[in-house]
Amino acid sequence: MIDGFELSDHARFQMQERNIQPSWLTETLSAPDRLLPLADSHGNTHYLKQISDFGGRWLRVIVNPTVNPQRVVTVFFDRRVK
């Protein structure tokens, strides 16, 4: 995990359920292909990265930036992103 971020219990569970590799999460947080600040009504930041090792699908990592360390709320492959 990257310094300055922590995983919520929900995000940890979703990574396990969805077979999301920790390295993919690290890559997405450290070098996102897209960064969407204030992307939802909760003021969360969305980090997106295309994961070539997973068929080029887009990994979306939703982060609460208002706490320290920033909290990864959830993580999933987003079929809507093109």
PDB file of N, CA and C in Angstrom:
ATOM      1  N   MET A   1       0.847  -1.196   0.000  1.00  0.00           N
ATOM      2  CA  MET A   1       0.000   0.000   0.000  1.00  0.00           C
ATOM      3  C   MET A   1       0.881   1.246   0.000  1.00  0.00           C
ATOM      4  N   ILE A   2       0.391   2.282  -0.569  1.00  0.00           N
ATOM      5  CA  ILE A   2       1.136   3.530  -0.684  1.00  0.00           C
ATOM      6  C   ILE A   2       0.998   4.339   0.603  1.00  0.00           C
ATOM      7  N   ASP A   3       2.077   4.984   1.001  1.00  0.00           N
ATOM      8  CA  ASP A   3       2.018   5.875   2.164  1.00  0.00           C
ATOM      9  C   ASP A   3       0.957   6.937   1.940  1.00  0.00           C
ATOM     10  N   GLY A   4       0.237   7.262   3.003  1.00  0.00           N
ATOM     11  CA  GLY A   4      -0.800   8.281   2.920  1.00  0.00           C
ATOM     12  C   GLY A   4      -2.181   7.728   2.599  1.00  0.00           C
ATOM     13  N   PHE A   5      -2.282   6.398   2.407  1.00  0.00           N
ATOM     14  CA  PHE A   5      -3.566   5.760   2.126  1.00  0.00           C
ATOM     15  C   PHE A   5      -3.761   4.580   3.072  1.00  0.00           C
ATOM     16  N   GLU A   6      -5.017   4.314   3.411  1.00  0.00           N
ATOM     17  CA  GLU A   6      -5.356   3.112   4.162  1.00  0.00           C
ATOM     18  C   GLU A   6      -6.585   2.478   3.525  1.00  0.00           C
ATOM     19  N   LEU A   7      -6.710   1.168   3.687  1.00  0.00           N
ATOM     20  CA  LEU A   7      -7.857   0.442   3.144  1.00  0.00           C
ATOM     21  C   LEU A   7      -8.966   0.350   4.174  1.00  0.00           C
ATOM     22  N   SER A   8     -10.184   0.620   3.754  1.00  0.00           N
ATOM     23  CA  SER A   8     -11.332   0.346   4.614  1.00  0.00           C
ATOM     24  C   SER A   8     -11.543  -1.168   4.628  1.00  0.00           C
ATOM     25  N   ASP A   9     -12.271  -1.649   5.607  1.00  0.00           N
ATOM     26  CA  ASP A   9     -12.587  -3.079   5.651  1.00  0.00           C
ATOM     27  C   ASP A   9     -13.346  -3.494   4.399  1.00  0.00           C
ATOM     28  N   HIS A  10     -14.241  -2.623   3.945  1.00  0.00           N
ATOM     29  CA  HIS A  10     -15.027  -2.916   2.745  1.00  0.00           C
ATOM     30  C   HIS A  10     -14.108  -3.074   1.528  1.00  0.00           C
ATOM     31  N   ALA A  11     -13.161  -2.151   1.358  1.00  0.00           N
ATOM     32  CA  ALA A  11     -12.249  -2.220   0.215  1.00  0.00           C
ATOM     33  C   ALA A  11     -11.408  -3.493   0.278  1.00  0.00           C
ATOM     34  N   ARG A  12     -10.939  -3.848   1.461  1.00  0.00           N
ATOM     35  CA  ARG A  12     -10.140  -5.069   1.631  1.00  0.00           C
ATOM     36  C   ARG A  12     -10.962  -6.296   1.220  1.00  0.00           C
ATOM     37  N   PHE A  13     -12.225  -6.337   1.648  1.00  0.00           N
ATOM     38  CA  PHE A  13     -13.114  -7.441   1.298  1.00  0.00           C
ATOM     39  C   PHE A  13     -13.364  -7.488  -0.209  1.00  0.00           C
ATOM     40  N   GLN A  14     -13.606  -6.325  -0.815  1.00  0.00           N
ATOM     41  CA  GLN A  14     -13.888  -6.274  -2.249  1.00  0.00           C
ATOM     42  C   GLN A  14     -12.681  -6.719  -3.069  1.00  0.00           C
ATOM     43  N   MET A  15     -11.492  -6.368  -2.624  1.00  0.00           N
ATOM     44  CA  MET A  15     -10.289  -6.816  -3.333  1.00  0.00           C
ATOM     45  C   MET A  15     -10.203  -8.334  -3.321  1.00  0.00           C
ATOM     46  N   GLN A  16     -10.511  -8.924  -2.190  1.00  0.00           N
ATOM     47  CA  GLN A  16     -10.458 -10.385  -2.076  1.00  0.00           C
ATOM     48  C   GLN A  16     -11.556 -11.026  -2.928  1.00  0.00           C
ATOM     49  N   GLU A  17     -12.759 -10.510  -2.829  1.00  0.00           N
ATOM     50  CA  GLU A  17     -13.893 -11.072  -3.572  1.00  0.00           C
ATOM     51  C   GLU A  17     -13.712 -10.955  -5.081  1.00  0.00           C
ATOM     52  N   ARG A  18     -13.098  -9.870  -5.514  1.00  0.00           N
ATOM     53  CA  ARG A  18     -12.988  -9.581  -6.948  1.00  0.00           C
ATOM     54  C   ARG A  18     -11.615  -9.926  -7.524  1.00  0.00           C
ATOM     55  N   ASN A  19     -10.791 -10.577  -6.722  1.00  0.00           N
ATOM     56  CA  ASN A  19      -9.443 -10.988  -7.160  1.00  0.00           C
ATOM     57  C   ASN A  19      -8.628  -9.816  -7.689  1.00  0.00           C
ATOM     58  N   ILE A  20      -8.679  -8.703  -6.990  1.00  0.00           N
ATOM     59  CA  ILE A  20      -7.914  -7.521  -7.365  1.00  0.00           C
ATOM     60  C   ILE A  20      -6.563  -7.584  -6.660  1.00  0.00           C
ATOM     61  N   GLN A  21      -5.506  -7.573  -7.452  1.00  0.00           N
ATOM     62  CA  GLN A  21      -4.150  -7.680  -6.924  1.00  0.00           C
ATOM     63  C   GLN A  21      -3.739  -6.390  -6.208  1.00  0.00           C
ATOM     64  N   PRO A  22      -3.052  -6.500  -5.074  1.00  0.00           N
ATOM     65  CA  PRO A  22      -2.568  -5.297  -4.379  1.00  0.00           C
ATOM     66  C   PRO A  22      -1.685  -4.418  -5.270  1.00  0.00           C
ATOM     67  N   SER A  23      -0.910  -5.032  -6.155  1.00  0.00           N
ATOM     68  CA  SER A  23      -0.044  -4.245  -7.045  1.00  0.00           C
ATOM     69  C   SER A  23      -0.870  -3.371  -7.991  1.00  0.00           C
ATOM     70  N   TRP A  24      -2.053  -3.853  -8.404  1.00  0.00           N
ATOM     71  CA  TRP A  24      -2.922  -3.050  -9.264  1.00  0.00           C
ATOM     72  C   TRP A  24      -3.438  -1.831  -8.513  1.00  0.00           C
ATOM     73  N   LEU A  25      -3.769  -2.026  -7.248  1.00  0.00           N
ATOM     74  CA  LEU A  25      -4.226  -0.908  -6.421  1.00  0.00           C
ATOM     75  C   LEU A  25      -3.102   0.115  -6.277  1.00  0.00           C
ATOM     76  N   THR A  26      -1.910  -0.363  -5.987  1.00  0.00           N
ATOM     77  CA  THR A  26      -0.750   0.522  -5.832  1.00  0.00           C
ATOM     78  C   THR A  26      -0.484   1.295  -7.109  1.00  0.00           C
ATOM     79  N   GLU A  27      -0.512   0.612  -8.253  1.00  0.00           N
ATOM     80  CA  GLU A  27      -0.295   1.273  -9.549  1.00  0.00           C
ATOM     81  C   GLU A  27      -1.345   2.349  -9.802  1.00  0.00           C
ATOM     82  N   THR A  28      -2.590   2.040  -9.469  1.00  0.00           N
ATOM     83  CA  THR A  28      -3.687   2.978  -9.719  1.00  0.00           C
ATOM     84  C   THR A  28      -3.552   4.223  -8.866  1.00  0.00           C
ATOM     85  N   LEU A  29      -3.191   4.049  -7.591  1.00  0.00           N
ATOM     86  CA  LEU A  29      -3.055   5.200  -6.705  1.00  0.00           C
ATOM     87  C   LEU A  29      -1.808   6.022  -7.008  1.00  0.00           C
ATOM     88  N   SER A  30      -0.734   5.369  -7.432  1.00  0.00           N
ATOM     89  CA  SER A  30       0.520   6.098  -7.657  1.00  0.00           C
ATOM     90  C   SER A  30       0.606   6.730  -9.043  1.00  0.00           C
ATOM     91  N   ALA A  31      -0.036   6.121 -10.036  1.00  0.00           N
ATOM     92  CA  ALA A  31       0.043   6.644 -11.404  1.00  0.00           C
ATOM     93  C   ALA A  31      -1.273   6.393 -12.144  1.00  0.00           C
ATOM     94  N   PRO A  32      -2.349   7.073 -11.735  1.00  0.00           N
ATOM     95  CA  PRO A  32      -3.635   6.837 -12.395  1.00  0.00           C
ATOM     96  C   PRO A  32      -3.631   7.345 -13.833  1.00  0.00           C
ATOM     97  N   ASP A  33      -4.413   6.666 -14.685  1.00  0.00           N
ATOM     98  CA  ASP A  33      -4.613   7.155 -16.048  1.00  0.00           C
ATOM     99  C   ASP A  33      -5.585   8.332 -16.038  1.00  0.00           C
ATOM    100  N   ARG A  34      -6.501   8.314 -15.098  1.00  0.00           N
ATOM    101  CA  ARG A  34      -7.476   9.399 -14.925  1.00  0.00           C
ATOM    102  C   ARG A  34      -7.641   9.656 -13.428  1.00  0.00           C
ATOM    103  N   LEU A  35      -7.756  10.915 -13.077  1.00  0.00           N
ATOM    104  CA  LEU A  35      -7.972  11.321 -11.690  1.00  0.00           C
ATOM    105  C   LEU A  35      -9.158  12.271 -11.674  1.00  0.00           C
ATOM    106  N   LEU A  36     -10.192  11.904 -10.918  1.00  0.00           N
ATOM    107  CA  LEU A  36     -11.424  12.690 -10.888  1.00  0.00           C
ATOM    108  C   LEU A  36     -11.681  13.184  -9.466  1.00  0.00           C
ATOM    109  N   PRO A  37     -11.178  14.393  -9.120  1.00  0.00           N
ATOM    110  CA  PRO A  37     -11.449  14.929  -7.785  1.00  0.00           C
ATOM    111  C   PRO A  37     -12.926  15.305  -7.657  1.00  0.00           C
ATOM    112  N   LEU A  38     -13.451  15.174  -6.458  1.00  0.00           N
ATOM    113  CA  LEU A  38     -14.858  15.528  -6.186  1.00  0.00           C
ATOM    114  C   LEU A  38     -15.795  14.873  -7.190  1.00  0.00           C
ATOM    115  N   ALA A  39     -15.566  13.595  -7.454  1.00  0.00           N
ATOM    116  CA  ALA A  39     -16.285  12.886  -8.518  1.00  0.00           C
ATOM    117  C   ALA A  39     -17.688  12.442  -8.128  1.00  0.00           C
ATOM    118  N   ASP A  40     -18.010  12.497  -6.850  1.00  0.00           N
ATOM    119  CA  ASP A  40     -19.347  12.071  -6.442  1.00  0.00           C
ATOM    120  C   ASP A  40     -19.887  13.012  -5.368  1.00  0.00           C
ATOM    121  N   SER A  41     -21.106  12.761  -4.948  1.00  0.00           N
ATOM    122  CA  SER A  41     -21.769  13.655  -3.996  1.00  0.00           C
ATOM    123  C   SER A  41     -21.144  13.626  -2.603  1.00  0.00           C
ATOM    124  N   HIS A  42     -20.255  12.665  -2.340  1.00  0.00           N
ATOM    125  CA  HIS A  42     -19.577  12.580  -1.044  1.00  0.00           C
ATOM    126  C   HIS A  42     -18.235  13.302  -1.051  1.00  0.00           C
ATOM    127  N   GLY A  43     -17.844  13.850  -2.189  1.00  0.00           N
ATOM    128  CA  GLY A  43     -16.578  14.554  -2.300  1.00  0.00           C
ATOM    129  C   GLY A  43     -15.385  13.638  -2.456  1.00  0.00           C
ATOM    130  N   ASN A  44     -15.637  12.372  -2.822  1.00  0.00           N
ATOM    131  CA  ASN A  44     -14.553  11.414  -3.001  1.00  0.00           C
ATOM    132  C   ASN A  44     -13.796  11.660  -4.297  1.00  0.00           C
ATOM    133  N   THR A  45     -12.548  11.201  -4.313  1.00  0.00           N
ATOM    134  CA  THR A  45     -11.719  11.246  -5.503  1.00  0.00           C
ATOM    135  C   THR A  45     -11.698   9.861  -6.117  1.00  0.00           C
ATOM    136  N   HIS A  46     -11.874   9.792  -7.440  1.00  0.00           N
ATOM    137  CA  HIS A  46     -11.856   8.519  -8.150  1.00  0.00           C
ATOM    138  C   HIS A  46     -10.558   8.428  -8.947  1.00  0.00           C
ATOM    139  N   TYR A  47      -9.842   7.344  -8.731  1.00  0.00           N
ATOM    140  CA  TYR A  47      -8.611   7.046  -9.456  1.00  0.00           C
ATOM    141  C   TYR A  47      -8.927   5.915 -10.432  1.00  0.00           C
ATOM    142  N   LEU A  48      -8.559   6.092 -11.701  1.00  0.00           N
ATOM    143  CA  LEU A  48      -8.818   5.056 -12.696  1.00  0.00           C
ATOM    144  C   LEU A  48      -7.541   4.682 -13.424  1.00  0.00           C
ATOM    145  N   LYS A  49      -7.383   3.384 -13.654  1.00  0.00           N
ATOM    146  CA  LYS A  49      -6.220   2.884 -14.384  1.00  0.00           C
ATOM    147  C   LYS A  49      -6.644   1.679 -15.203  1.00  0.00           C
ATOM    148  N   GLN A  50      -6.182   1.647 -16.442  1.00  0.00           N
ATOM    149  CA  GLN A  50      -6.439   0.500 -17.300  1.00  0.00           C
ATOM    150  C   GLN A  50      -5.404  -0.574 -16.965  1.00  0.00           C
ATOM    151  N   ILE A  51      -5.874  -1.770 -16.610  1.00  0.00           N
ATOM    152  CA  ILE A  51      -5.009  -2.853 -16.160  1.00  0.00           C
ATOM    153  C   ILE A  51      -4.825  -3.845 -17.313  1.00  0.00           C
ATOM    154  N   SER A  52      -3.657  -3.799 -17.942  1.00  0.00           N
ATOM    155  CA  SER A  52      -3.395  -4.670 -19.093  1.00  0.00           C
ATOM    156  C   SER A  52      -3.386  -6.143 -18.691  1.00  0.00           C
ATOM    157  N   ASP A  53      -2.951  -6.447 -17.462  1.00  0.00           N
ATOM    158  CA  ASP A  53      -2.918  -7.831 -16.985  1.00  0.00           C
ATOM    159  C   ASP A  53      -4.313  -8.405 -16.731  1.00  0.00           C
ATOM    160  N   PHE A  54      -5.341  -7.583 -16.839  1.00  0.00           N
ATOM    161  CA  PHE A  54      -6.708  -8.035 -16.614  1.00  0.00           C
ATOM    162  C   PHE A  54      -7.571  -7.673 -17.816  1.00  0.00           C
ATOM    163  N   GLY A  55      -7.036  -7.940 -18.997  1.00  0.00           N
ATOM    164  CA  GLY A  55      -7.797  -7.742 -20.228  1.00  0.00           C
ATOM    165  C   GLY A  55      -8.042  -6.297 -20.600  1.00  0.00           C
ATOM    166  N   GLY A  56      -7.234  -5.383 -20.064  1.00  0.00           N
ATOM    167  CA  GLY A  56      -7.404  -3.973 -20.393  1.00  0.00           C
ATOM    168  C   GLY A  56      -8.582  -3.319 -19.705  1.00  0.00           C
ATOM    169  N   ARG A  57      -9.164  -3.991 -18.716  1.00  0.00           N
ATOM    170  CA  ARG A  57     -10.304  -3.405 -18.000  1.00  0.00           C
ATOM    171  C   ARG A  57      -9.832  -2.275 -17.091  1.00  0.00           C
ATOM    172  N   TRP A  58     -10.764  -1.386 -16.759  1.00  0.00           N
ATOM    173  CA  TRP A  58     -10.462  -0.203 -15.963  1.00  0.00           C
ATOM    174  C   TRP A  58     -10.743  -0.461 -14.487  1.00  0.00           C
ATOM    175  N   LEU A  59      -9.727  -0.230 -13.666  1.00  0.00           N
ATOM    176  CA  LEU A  59      -9.875  -0.341 -12.229  1.00  0.00           C
ATOM    177  C   LEU A  59     -10.224   1.036 -11.674  1.00  0.00           C
ATOM    178  N   ARG A  60     -11.302   1.091 -10.897  1.00  0.00           N
ATOM    179  CA  ARG A  60     -11.721   2.343 -10.258  1.00  0.00           C
ATOM    180  C   ARG A  60     -11.484   2.197  -8.758  1.00  0.00           C
ATOM    181  N   VAL A  61     -10.729   3.134  -8.196  1.00  0.00           N
ATOM    182  CA  VAL A  61     -10.450   3.165  -6.770  1.00  0.00           C
ATOM    183  C   VAL A  61     -11.051   4.457  -6.233  1.00  0.00           C
ATOM    184  N   ILE A  62     -11.974   4.326  -5.299  1.00  0.00           N
ATOM    185  CA  ILE A  62     -12.656   5.489  -4.736  1.00  0.00           C
ATOM    186  C   ILE A  62     -12.047   5.789  -3.378  1.00  0.00           C
ATOM    187  N   VAL A  63     -11.595   7.045  -3.219  1.00  0.00           N
ATOM    188  CA  VAL A  63     -10.839   7.447  -2.039  1.00  0.00           C
ATOM    189  C   VAL A  63     -11.517   8.636  -1.359  1.00  0.00           C
ATOM    190  N   ASN A  64     -11.619   8.548  -0.031  1.00  0.00           N
ATOM    191  CA  ASN A  64     -12.078   9.678   0.775  1.00  0.00           C
ATOM    192  C   ASN A  64     -10.841  10.509   1.103  1.00  0.00           C
ATOM    193  N   PRO A  65     -10.714  11.713   0.504  1.00  0.00           N
ATOM    194  CA  PRO A  65      -9.521  12.518   0.715  1.00  0.00           C
ATOM    195  C   PRO A  65      -9.595  13.421   1.944  1.00  0.00           C
ATOM    196  N   THR A  66     -10.708  13.389   2.677  1.00  0.00           N
ATOM    197  CA  THR A  66     -10.888  14.319   3.794  1.00  0.00           C
ATOM    198  C   THR A  66     -10.355  13.789   5.115  1.00  0.00           C
ATOM    199  N   VAL A  67      -9.826  12.571   5.121  1.00  0.00           N
ATOM    200  CA  VAL A  67      -9.249  11.997   6.340  1.00  0.00           C
ATOM    201  C   VAL A  67      -7.757  11.769   6.115  1.00  0.00           C
ATOM    202  N   ASN A  68      -7.027  11.639   7.219  1.00  0.00           N
ATOM    203  CA  ASN A  68      -5.595  11.407   7.122  1.00  0.00           C
ATOM    204  C   ASN A  68      -5.234  10.192   7.958  1.00  0.00           C
ATOM    205  N   PRO A  69      -4.731   9.118   7.341  1.00  0.00           N
ATOM    206  CA  PRO A  69      -4.448   8.974   5.910  1.00  0.00           C
ATOM    207  C   PRO A  69      -5.740   8.881   5.096  1.00  0.00           C
ATOM    208  N   GLN A  70      -5.617   9.169   3.798  1.00  0.00           N
ATOM    209  CA  GLN A  70      -6.771   9.063   2.920  1.00  0.00           C
ATOM    210  C   GLN A  70      -7.260   7.620   2.915  1.00  0.00           C
ATOM    211  N   ARG A  71      -8.571   7.436   2.888  1.00  0.00           N
ATOM    212  CA  ARG A  71      -9.140   6.097   3.007  1.00  0.00           C
ATOM    213  C   ARG A  71      -9.688   5.599   1.679  1.00  0.00           C
ATOM    214  N   VAL A  72      -9.203   4.421   1.260  1.00  0.00           N
ATOM    215  CA  VAL A  72      -9.758   3.749   0.085  1.00  0.00           C
ATOM    216  C   VAL A  72     -11.103   3.169   0.509  1.00  0.00           C
ATOM    217  N   VAL A  73     -12.176   3.702  -0.070  1.00  0.00           N
ATOM    218  CA  VAL A  73     -13.538   3.319   0.292  1.00  0.00           C
ATOM    219  C   VAL A  73     -13.927   2.008  -0.377  1.00  0.00           C
ATOM    220  N   THR A  74     -13.677   1.916  -1.674  1.00  0.00           N
ATOM    221  CA  THR A  74     -13.981   0.698  -2.426  1.00  0.00           C
ATOM    222  C   THR A  74     -13.127   0.657  -3.678  1.00  0.00           C
ATOM    223  N   VAL A  75     -13.105  -0.511  -4.290  1.00  0.00           N
ATOM    224  CA  VAL A  75     -12.305  -0.723  -5.492  1.00  0.00           C
ATOM    225  C   VAL A  75     -13.016  -1.762  -6.355  1.00  0.00           C
ATOM    226  N   PHE A  76     -13.105  -1.484  -7.673  1.00  0.00           N
ATOM    227  CA  PHE A  76     -13.797  -2.419  -8.565  1.00  0.00           C
ATOM    228  C   PHE A  76     -13.403  -2.152 -10.013  1.00  0.00           C
ATOM    229  N   PHE A  77     -13.619  -3.159 -10.857  1.00  0.00           N
ATOM    230  CA  PHE A  77     -13.438  -2.970 -12.292  1.00  0.00           C
ATOM    231  C   PHE A  77     -14.725  -2.376 -12.843  1.00  0.00           C
ATOM    232  N   ASP A  78     -14.586  -1.247 -13.501  1.00  0.00           N
ATOM    233  CA  ASP A  78     -15.739  -0.460 -13.966  1.00  0.00           C
ATOM    234  C   ASP A  78     -15.985  -0.730 -15.446  1.00  0.00           C
ATOM    235  N   ARG A  79     -17.048  -1.441 -15.735  1.00  0.00           N
ATOM    236  CA  ARG A  79     -17.389  -1.783 -17.132  1.00  0.00           C
ATOM    237  C   ARG A  79     -17.864  -0.561 -17.923  1.00  0.00           C
ATOM    238  N   ARG A  80     -18.241   0.509 -17.234  1.00  0.00           N
ATOM    239  CA  ARG A  80     -18.764   1.703 -17.911  1.00  0.00           C
ATOM    240  C   ARG A  80     -17.679   2.544 -18.552  1.00  0.00           C
ATOM    241  N   VAL A  81     -16.444   2.409 -18.088  1.00  0.00           N
ATOM    242  CA  VAL A  81     -15.354   3.260 -18.589  1.00  0.00           C
ATOM    243  C   VAL A  81     -14.849   2.721 -19.922  1.00  0.00           C
ATOM    244  N   LYS A  82     -14.710   3.590 -20.854  1.00  0.00           N
ATOM    245  CA  LYS A  82     -14.197   3.230 -22.186  1.00  0.00           C
ATOM    246  C   LYS A  82     -12.933   4.010 -22.460  1.00  0.00           C
TER     247      LYS A  82
END
